[in-house]
């Protein structure tokens, strides 16, 4: 089943000289880990933000598990989609526990279920619940904050996770560790992940398919291995050449 379908989607911002997303059509299967990569301003984040209706398309439509998302209540839609951004976006006045519990509380989960879920998620992202759940974000490192941000996005068990350069501000050692942990989490739970990055190596390491964009258009959407061995055009070829060791980092996914 397709988790997401973009059907001739167009987005143009006021006073822009061209479309930010220019007639994009593609399908993403349930359980895929798709990474989006390209030059700055290529449309990858704009495309991502149309999934949870932070941006509305000017043309075409986006379907989530067969439903046109424009027909759904935007707030309710977002409660069912995990969303992680670069700076974690944690509420500074809330504890780690309270941050992770935000959406479950909105959904009126009972206290015992919330407590169990928060402890499960902290354990999953390798933060000891007893040590971390009463801390505030200011008492966490950047990598720890990002782990909490990931846990919060997963709290209500969303079928789709949107990750917008979540590791962009993390140092190289912690970034590699977080990448590996995210892959393990994905392999365990098999949710559908869309992950935006400007780092070509990260895109090829994480994605079972990689969506390469340029000036609002899809240049290639395929498995890392297929892109490396059969780049669709000169832009893709140059993008690969600009990133060392891409072929050594390709994900073991089957790309279906």
C-alpha atoms as a PDB file:
ATOM      1  CA  UNK A   1       0.000   0.000   0.000  1.00  0.00           C
ATOM      2  CA  UNK A   2       1.142   3.543  -0.713  1.00  0.00           C
ATOM      3  CA  UNK A   3       1.610   5.607   2.421  1.00  0.00           C
ATOM      4  CA  UNK A   4       2.038   8.824   0.457  1.00  0.00           C
ATOM      5  CA  UNK A   5       1.218   9.910  -3.066  1.00  0.00           C
ATOM      6  CA  UNK A   6       2.151  13.294  -4.530  1.00  0.00           C
ATOM      7  CA  UNK A   7      -0.015  13.885  -7.579  1.00  0.00           C
ATOM      8  CA  UNK A   8       1.248  16.755  -9.814  1.00  0.00           C
ATOM      9  CA  UNK A   9       1.995  18.891  -6.739  1.00  0.00           C
ATOM     10  CA  UNK A  10       2.921  22.549  -7.255  1.00  0.00           C
ATOM     11  CA  UNK A  11       3.957  25.169  -4.685  1.00  0.00           C
ATOM     12  CA  UNK A  12       4.891  28.749  -5.518  1.00  0.00           C
ATOM     13  CA  UNK A  13       5.639  31.391  -2.905  1.00  0.00           C
ATOM     14  CA  UNK A  14       4.617  35.049  -3.376  1.00  0.00           C
ATOM     15  CA  UNK A  15       7.034  37.095  -5.525  1.00  0.00           C
ATOM     16  CA  UNK A  16       9.057  33.978  -6.395  1.00  0.00           C
ATOM     17  CA  UNK A  17      10.434  33.702  -9.933  1.00  0.00           C
ATOM     18  CA  UNK A  18       9.730  29.984 -10.167  1.00  0.00           C
ATOM     19  CA  UNK A  19       7.831  27.218  -8.429  1.00  0.00           C
ATOM     20  CA  UNK A  20       9.388  25.957  -5.192  1.00  0.00           C
ATOM     21  CA  UNK A  21       7.882  22.554  -6.029  1.00  0.00           C
ATOM     22  CA  UNK A  22       7.233  22.141  -9.729  1.00  0.00           C
ATOM     23  CA  UNK A  23       4.692  19.472 -10.764  1.00  0.00           C
ATOM     24  CA  UNK A  24       6.031  16.656  -8.588  1.00  0.00           C
ATOM     25  CA  UNK A  25       4.416  13.234  -8.864  1.00  0.00           C
ATOM     26  CA  UNK A  26       5.679  10.226  -6.907  1.00  0.00           C
ATOM     27  CA  UNK A  27       4.552   7.437  -4.594  1.00  0.00           C
ATOM     28  CA  UNK A  28       6.071   6.217  -1.342  1.00  0.00           C
ATOM     29  CA  UNK A  29       5.244   2.737  -0.098  1.00  0.00           C
ATOM     30  CA  UNK A  30       4.275   2.021   3.482  1.00  0.00           C
ATOM     31  CA  UNK A  31       7.363   1.289   5.591  1.00  0.00           C
ATOM     32  CA  UNK A  32       9.886   2.959   3.288  1.00  0.00           C
ATOM     33  CA  UNK A  33      12.719   5.168   4.520  1.00  0.00           C
ATOM     34  CA  UNK A  34      12.957   7.889   1.874  1.00  0.00           C
ATOM     35  CA  UNK A  35      15.618  10.588   2.057  1.00  0.00           C
ATOM     36  CA  UNK A  36      15.298  13.901   0.193  1.00  0.00           C
ATOM     37  CA  UNK A  37      18.473  15.663  -0.874  1.00  0.00           C
ATOM     38  CA  UNK A  38      19.534  18.452  -3.196  1.00  0.00           C
ATOM     39  CA  UNK A  39      20.987  21.940  -3.320  1.00  0.00           C
ATOM     40  CA  UNK A  40      19.735  24.670  -0.995  1.00  0.00           C
ATOM     41  CA  UNK A  41      16.329  25.916  -2.128  1.00  0.00           C
ATOM     42  CA  UNK A  42      15.642  22.841  -4.263  1.00  0.00           C
ATOM     43  CA  UNK A  43      12.187  22.288  -2.728  1.00  0.00           C
ATOM     44  CA  UNK A  44      12.867  19.303  -0.479  1.00  0.00           C
ATOM     45  CA  UNK A  45      11.700  20.933   2.772  1.00  0.00           C
ATOM     46  CA  UNK A  46       8.743  22.549   1.007  1.00  0.00           C
ATOM     47  CA  UNK A  47       7.669  19.135  -0.268  1.00  0.00           C
ATOM     48  CA  UNK A  48       8.013  17.668   3.242  1.00  0.00           C
ATOM     49  CA  UNK A  49       5.968  20.449   4.846  1.00  0.00           C
ATOM     50  CA  UNK A  50       3.081  19.870   2.462  1.00  0.00           C
ATOM     51  CA  UNK A  51       2.590  16.418   4.001  1.00  0.00           C
ATOM     52  CA  UNK A  52       1.531  17.883   7.362  1.00  0.00           C
ATOM     53  CA  UNK A  53      -0.021  20.964   5.744  1.00  0.00           C
ATOM     54  CA  UNK A  54       2.418  23.496   7.138  1.00  0.00           C
ATOM     55  CA  UNK A  55       2.365  24.532   3.474  1.00  0.00           C
ATOM     56  CA  UNK A  56      -0.645  24.092   1.220  1.00  0.00           C
ATOM     57  CA  UNK A  57      -0.050  23.152  -2.435  1.00  0.00           C
ATOM     58  CA  UNK A  58      -1.096  25.612  -5.134  1.00  0.00           C
ATOM     59  CA  UNK A  59      -1.819  22.731  -7.471  1.00  0.00           C
ATOM     60  CA  UNK A  60      -2.170  18.967  -7.375  1.00  0.00           C
ATOM     61  CA  UNK A  61      -2.873  16.961  -4.262  1.00  0.00           C
ATOM     62  CA  UNK A  62      -1.208  14.900  -1.555  1.00  0.00           C
ATOM     63  CA  UNK A  63      -2.775  11.638  -0.437  1.00  0.00           C
ATOM     64  CA  UNK A  64      -2.002   9.897   2.836  1.00  0.00           C
ATOM     65  CA  UNK A  65      -3.002   6.218   2.839  1.00  0.00           C
ATOM     66  CA  UNK A  66      -5.388   6.961  -0.010  1.00  0.00           C
ATOM     67  CA  UNK A  67      -7.039  10.035   1.539  1.00  0.00           C
ATOM     68  CA  UNK A  68      -6.663  13.535   0.097  1.00  0.00           C
ATOM     69  CA  UNK A  69      -5.152  15.407   3.063  1.00  0.00           C
ATOM     70  CA  UNK A  70      -6.866  18.671   2.045  1.00  0.00           C
ATOM     71  CA  UNK A  71     -10.171  17.107   3.153  1.00  0.00           C
ATOM     72  CA  UNK A  72      -8.887  16.410   6.675  1.00  0.00           C
ATOM     73  CA  UNK A  73      -8.702  18.757   9.641  1.00  0.00           C
ATOM     74  CA  UNK A  74      -5.119  20.081   9.620  1.00  0.00           C
ATOM     75  CA  UNK A  75      -4.603  19.908  13.400  1.00  0.00           C
ATOM     76  CA  UNK A  76      -5.953  16.378  13.634  1.00  0.00           C
ATOM     77  CA  UNK A  77      -3.796  15.397  10.638  1.00  0.00           C
ATOM     78  CA  UNK A  78      -0.663  16.670  12.390  1.00  0.00           C
ATOM     79  CA  UNK A  79      -1.451  14.710  15.551  1.00  0.00           C
ATOM     80  CA  UNK A  80      -1.096  11.558  13.457  1.00  0.00           C
ATOM     81  CA  UNK A  81       2.215  12.524  11.824  1.00  0.00           C
ATOM     82  CA  UNK A  82       5.563  12.624  13.612  1.00  0.00           C
ATOM     83  CA  UNK A  83       7.609  15.771  12.934  1.00  0.00           C
ATOM     84  CA  UNK A  84      11.252  16.349  13.898  1.00  0.00           C
ATOM     85  CA  UNK A  85      13.220  19.511  13.093  1.00  0.00           C
ATOM     86  CA  UNK A  86      16.888  20.447  13.329  1.00  0.00           C
ATOM     87  CA  UNK A  87      16.870  22.185  16.710  1.00  0.00           C
ATOM     88  CA  UNK A  88      14.589  19.588  18.364  1.00  0.00           C
ATOM     89  CA  UNK A  89      12.008  22.310  19.096  1.00  0.00           C
ATOM     90  CA  UNK A  90      11.484  21.216  22.687  1.00  0.00           C
ATOM     91  CA  UNK A  91       9.386  23.353  25.019  1.00  0.00           C
ATOM     92  CA  UNK A  92      11.986  24.827  27.409  1.00  0.00           C
ATOM     93  CA  UNK A  93       9.597  25.202  30.370  1.00  0.00           C
ATOM     94  CA  UNK A  94       8.562  21.528  30.208  1.00  0.00           C
ATOM     95  CA  UNK A  95      10.434  18.499  31.485  1.00  0.00           C
ATOM     96  CA  UNK A  96      11.527  15.733  29.137  1.00  0.00           C
ATOM     97  CA  UNK A  97       8.528  13.680  30.282  1.00  0.00           C
ATOM     98  CA  UNK A  98       6.112  16.549  29.621  1.00  0.00           C
ATOM     99  CA  UNK A  99       7.622  17.233  26.194  1.00  0.00           C
ATOM    100  CA  UNK A 100       7.172  13.634  25.065  1.00  0.00           C
ATOM    101  CA  UNK A 101       3.680  13.470  26.551  1.00  0.00           C
ATOM    102  CA  UNK A 102       2.329  16.521  24.663  1.00  0.00           C
ATOM    103  CA  UNK A 103       0.423  14.741  21.882  1.00  0.00           C
ATOM    104  CA  UNK A 104      -0.745  11.742  23.971  1.00  0.00           C
ATOM    105  CA  UNK A 105      -2.240  14.241  26.456  1.00  0.00           C
ATOM    106  CA  UNK A 106      -3.995  16.109  23.639  1.00  0.00           C
ATOM    107  CA  UNK A 107      -5.357  12.744  22.487  1.00  0.00           C
ATOM    108  CA  UNK A 108      -6.563  12.138  26.052  1.00  0.00           C
ATOM    109  CA  UNK A 109      -4.530   9.022  26.781  1.00  0.00           C
ATOM    110  CA  UNK A 110      -4.786   7.935  30.407  1.00  0.00           C
ATOM    111  CA  UNK A 111      -1.883   8.674  32.761  1.00  0.00           C
ATOM    112  CA  UNK A 112      -0.685   5.060  33.037  1.00  0.00           C
ATOM    113  CA  UNK A 113      -0.536   4.648  29.255  1.00  0.00           C
ATOM    114  CA  UNK A 114       1.379   7.932  28.871  1.00  0.00           C
ATOM    115  CA  UNK A 115       3.873   6.967  31.591  1.00  0.00           C
ATOM    116  CA  UNK A 116       4.489   3.592  29.969  1.00  0.00           C
ATOM    117  CA  UNK A 117       4.899   5.135  26.510  1.00  0.00           C
ATOM    118  CA  UNK A 118       7.345   7.824  27.675  1.00  0.00           C
ATOM    119  CA  UNK A 119       9.498   5.229  29.440  1.00  0.00           C
ATOM    120  CA  UNK A 120       9.429   2.954  26.363  1.00  0.00           C
ATOM    121  CA  UNK A 121      10.502   5.786  24.081  1.00  0.00           C
ATOM    122  CA  UNK A 122      13.282   7.078  26.310  1.00  0.00           C
ATOM    123  CA  UNK A 123      14.652   3.546  26.496  1.00  0.00           C
ATOM    124  CA  UNK A 124      14.340   3.240  22.699  1.00  0.00           C
ATOM    125  CA  UNK A 125      16.393   6.408  22.102  1.00  0.00           C
ATOM    126  CA  UNK A 126      18.922   5.294  24.727  1.00  0.00           C
ATOM    127  CA  UNK A 127      18.145   7.757  27.484  1.00  0.00           C
ATOM    128  CA  UNK A 128      17.582   6.234  30.934  1.00  0.00           C
ATOM    129  CA  UNK A 129      14.031   7.255  31.988  1.00  0.00           C
ATOM    130  CA  UNK A 130      14.971   7.482  35.671  1.00  0.00           C
ATOM    131  CA  UNK A 131      17.821   9.848  34.850  1.00  0.00           C
ATOM    132  CA  UNK A 132      16.304  12.017  32.128  1.00  0.00           C
ATOM    133  CA  UNK A 133      12.505  12.284  32.356  1.00  0.00           C
ATOM    134  CA  UNK A 134      12.514  15.035  35.023  1.00  0.00           C
ATOM    135  CA  UNK A 135      15.195  17.129  33.341  1.00  0.00           C
ATOM    136  CA  UNK A 136      14.512  20.285  31.354  1.00  0.00           C
ATOM    137  CA  UNK A 137      15.926  20.740  27.836  1.00  0.00           C
ATOM    138  CA  UNK A 138      18.536  23.242  29.086  1.00  0.00           C
ATOM    139  CA  UNK A 139      20.146  20.391  31.060  1.00  0.00           C
ATOM    140  CA  UNK A 140      20.608  18.249  27.929  1.00  0.00           C
ATOM    141  CA  UNK A 141      23.319  18.156  25.280  1.00  0.00           C
ATOM    142  CA  UNK A 142      22.403  18.790  21.645  1.00  0.00           C
ATOM    143  CA  UNK A 143      22.407  15.082  20.890  1.00  0.00           C
ATOM    144  CA  UNK A 144      20.239  14.317  23.921  1.00  0.00           C
ATOM    145  CA  UNK A 145      17.765  17.040  22.921  1.00  0.00           C
ATOM    146  CA  UNK A 146      17.526  15.529  19.453  1.00  0.00           C
ATOM    147  CA  UNK A 147      16.826  12.092  20.958  1.00  0.00           C
ATOM    148  CA  UNK A 148      14.005  13.598  23.026  1.00  0.00           C
ATOM    149  CA  UNK A 149      12.679  15.353  19.920  1.00  0.00           C
ATOM    150  CA  UNK A 150      12.615  12.038  18.106  1.00  0.00           C
ATOM    151  CA  UNK A 151      10.862  10.350  21.048  1.00  0.00           C
ATOM    152  CA  UNK A 152       8.257  13.112  21.170  1.00  0.00           C
ATOM    153  CA  UNK A 153       7.554  12.732  17.439  1.00  0.00           C
ATOM    154  CA  UNK A 154       7.021   8.999  17.900  1.00  0.00           C
ATOM    155  CA  UNK A 155       4.863   9.316  21.022  1.00  0.00           C
ATOM    156  CA  UNK A 156       1.431   8.786  19.463  1.00  0.00           C
ATOM    157  CA  UNK A 157       2.693   5.940  17.250  1.00  0.00           C
ATOM    158  CA  UNK A 158       2.362   7.845  13.940  1.00  0.00           C
ATOM    159  CA  UNK A 159       2.358   5.860  10.718  1.00  0.00           C
ATOM    160  CA  UNK A 160       4.447   8.563   9.006  1.00  0.00           C
ATOM    161  CA  UNK A 161       7.500  10.403  10.362  1.00  0.00           C
ATOM    162  CA  UNK A 162       8.770  13.651   8.819  1.00  0.00           C
ATOM    163  CA  UNK A 163      12.352  14.548   9.711  1.00  0.00           C
ATOM    164  CA  UNK A 164      13.698  17.896   8.503  1.00  0.00           C
ATOM    165  CA  UNK A 165      17.510  17.907   8.819  1.00  0.00           C
ATOM    166  CA  UNK A 166      17.224  16.563  12.382  1.00  0.00           C
ATOM    167  CA  UNK A 167      20.960  15.941  12.755  1.00  0.00           C
ATOM    168  CA  UNK A 168      22.174  19.071  10.963  1.00  0.00           C
ATOM    169  CA  UNK A 169      23.369  20.813  14.137  1.00  0.00           C
ATOM    170  CA  UNK A 170      24.937  17.713  15.738  1.00  0.00           C
ATOM    171  CA  UNK A 171      28.691  17.019  15.800  1.00  0.00           C
ATOM    172  CA  UNK A 172      30.021  14.282  13.512  1.00  0.00           C
ATOM    173  CA  UNK A 173      30.466  11.559  16.164  1.00  0.00           C
ATOM    174  CA  UNK A 174      27.004  11.985  17.685  1.00  0.00           C
ATOM    175  CA  UNK A 175      25.522  12.371  14.216  1.00  0.00           C
ATOM    176  CA  UNK A 176      26.825   8.970  13.095  1.00  0.00           C
ATOM    177  CA  UNK A 177      25.504   7.391  16.302  1.00  0.00           C
ATOM    178  CA  UNK A 178      22.065   8.975  15.847  1.00  0.00           C
ATOM    179  CA  UNK A 179      21.943   7.843  12.220  1.00  0.00           C
ATOM    180  CA  UNK A 180      22.630   4.257  13.241  1.00  0.00           C
ATOM    181  CA  UNK A 181      20.040   4.379  16.013  1.00  0.00           C
ATOM    182  CA  UNK A 182      17.438   5.839  13.663  1.00  0.00           C
ATOM    183  CA  UNK A 183      18.038   3.018  11.187  1.00  0.00           C
ATOM    184  CA  UNK A 184      17.605   0.457  13.977  1.00  0.00           C
ATOM    185  CA  UNK A 185      14.362   2.116  15.117  1.00  0.00           C
ATOM    186  CA  UNK A 186      13.040   2.136  11.559  1.00  0.00           C
ATOM    187  CA  UNK A 187      13.945  -1.504  10.984  1.00  0.00           C
ATOM    188  CA  UNK A 188      12.208  -2.459  14.230  1.00  0.00           C
ATOM    189  CA  UNK A 189       8.966  -0.536  13.709  1.00  0.00           C
ATOM    190  CA  UNK A 190       8.756  -0.186   9.898  1.00  0.00           C
ATOM    191  CA  UNK A 191       6.958   3.144   9.866  1.00  0.00           C
ATOM    192  CA  UNK A 192       7.200   5.375   6.787  1.00  0.00           C
ATOM    193  CA  UNK A 193      10.019   7.921   7.119  1.00  0.00           C
ATOM    194  CA  UNK A 194      10.698  11.030   5.017  1.00  0.00           C
ATOM    195  CA  UNK A 195      14.049  12.521   5.937  1.00  0.00           C
ATOM    196  CA  UNK A 196      15.357  15.819   4.506  1.00  0.00           C
ATOM    197  CA  UNK A 197      19.102  16.387   4.499  1.00  0.00           C
ATOM    198  CA  UNK A 198      21.655  18.535   2.673  1.00  0.00           C
ATOM    199  CA  UNK A 199      24.274  15.814   3.270  1.00  0.00           C
ATOM    200  CA  UNK A 200      24.479  13.429   0.308  1.00  0.00           C
ATOM    201  CA  UNK A 201      26.354  10.788   2.312  1.00  0.00           C
ATOM    202  CA  UNK A 202      23.673  10.840   5.019  1.00  0.00           C
ATOM    203  CA  UNK A 203      20.936  10.530   2.385  1.00  0.00           C
ATOM    204  CA  UNK A 204      22.567   7.471   0.854  1.00  0.00           C
ATOM    205  CA  UNK A 205      23.331   5.861   4.214  1.00  0.00           C
ATOM    206  CA  UNK A 206      19.782   6.157   5.556  1.00  0.00           C
ATOM    207  CA  UNK A 207      17.414   5.923   2.615  1.00  0.00           C
ATOM    208  CA  UNK A 208      16.243   2.706   1.037  1.00  0.00           C
ATOM    209  CA  UNK A 209      15.285   5.158  -1.725  1.00  0.00           C
ATOM    210  CA  UNK A 210      16.710   8.621  -2.305  1.00  0.00           C
ATOM    211  CA  UNK A 211      14.792  11.522  -3.844  1.00  0.00           C
ATOM    212  CA  UNK A 212      17.154  13.978  -5.528  1.00  0.00           C
ATOM    213  CA  UNK A 213      15.672  17.414  -6.243  1.00  0.00           C
ATOM    214  CA  UNK A 214      16.838  20.523  -8.101  1.00  0.00           C
ATOM    215  CA  UNK A 215      14.895  23.740  -8.703  1.00  0.00           C
ATOM    216  CA  UNK A 216      11.650  22.188  -7.513  1.00  0.00           C
ATOM    217  CA  UNK A 217      11.793  19.131  -9.743  1.00  0.00           C
ATOM    218  CA  UNK A 218      12.631  15.475  -9.188  1.00  0.00           C
ATOM    219  CA  UNK A 219      15.941  14.606 -10.821  1.00  0.00           C
ATOM    220  CA  UNK A 220      15.980  10.971  -9.739  1.00  0.00           C
ATOM    221  CA  UNK A 221      14.097   8.792  -7.253  1.00  0.00           C
ATOM    222  CA  UNK A 222      15.647   5.378  -6.826  1.00  0.00           C
ATOM    223  CA  UNK A 223      17.720   3.145  -4.579  1.00  0.00           C
ATOM    224  CA  UNK A 224      21.153   4.455  -3.573  1.00  0.00           C
ATOM    225  CA  UNK A 225      22.812   1.672  -5.556  1.00  0.00           C
ATOM    226  CA  UNK A 226      20.868   2.466  -8.728  1.00  0.00           C
ATOM    227  CA  UNK A 227      21.628   6.184  -8.434  1.00  0.00           C
ATOM    228  CA  UNK A 228      25.351   5.572  -7.965  1.00  0.00           C
ATOM    229  CA  UNK A 229      25.597   3.178 -10.907  1.00  0.00           C
ATOM    230  CA  UNK A 230      23.039   4.793 -13.216  1.00  0.00           C
ATOM    231  CA  UNK A 231      22.736   8.519 -12.477  1.00  0.00           C
ATOM    232  CA  UNK A 232      19.813   9.975 -14.412  1.00  0.00           C
ATOM    233  CA  UNK A 233      21.565  13.129 -15.632  1.00  0.00           C
ATOM    234  CA  UNK A 234      24.568  15.431 -15.236  1.00  0.00           C
ATOM    235  CA  UNK A 235      23.154  17.106 -12.125  1.00  0.00           C
ATOM    236  CA  UNK A 236      22.851  13.776 -10.302  1.00  0.00           C
ATOM    237  CA  UNK A 237      26.287  12.729 -11.542  1.00  0.00           C
ATOM    238  CA  UNK A 238      27.859  15.937 -10.201  1.00  0.00           C
ATOM    239  CA  UNK A 239      26.017  15.642  -6.889  1.00  0.00           C
ATOM    240  CA  UNK A 240      27.388  12.133  -6.399  1.00  0.00           C
ATOM    241  CA  UNK A 241      30.883  13.226  -7.412  1.00  0.00           C
ATOM    242  CA  UNK A 242      30.760  16.063  -4.857  1.00  0.00           C
ATOM    243  CA  UNK A 243      30.294  13.569  -2.038  1.00  0.00           C
ATOM    244  CA  UNK A 244      33.061  11.118  -1.254  1.00  0.00           C
ATOM    245  CA  UNK A 245      32.409   7.490  -0.338  1.00  0.00           C
ATOM    246  CA  UNK A 246      28.715   7.562  -1.229  1.00  0.00           C
ATOM    247  CA  UNK A 247      28.923   4.098  -2.754  1.00  0.00           C
ATOM    248  CA  UNK A 248      30.383   2.748   0.482  1.00  0.00           C
ATOM    249  CA  UNK A 249      27.516   4.139   2.548  1.00  0.00           C
ATOM    250  CA  UNK A 250      24.523   2.794   0.682  1.00  0.00           C
ATOM    251  CA  UNK A 251      21.671   1.440   2.757  1.00  0.00           C
ATOM    252  CA  UNK A 252      20.890  -2.242   2.774  1.00  0.00           C
ATOM    253  CA  UNK A 253      17.194  -1.704   2.017  1.00  0.00           C
ATOM    254  CA  UNK A 254      15.450  -3.422  -0.835  1.00  0.00           C
ATOM    255  CA  UNK A 255      13.991  -0.220  -2.303  1.00  0.00           C
ATOM    256  CA  UNK A 256      10.544  -1.564  -2.925  1.00  0.00           C
END
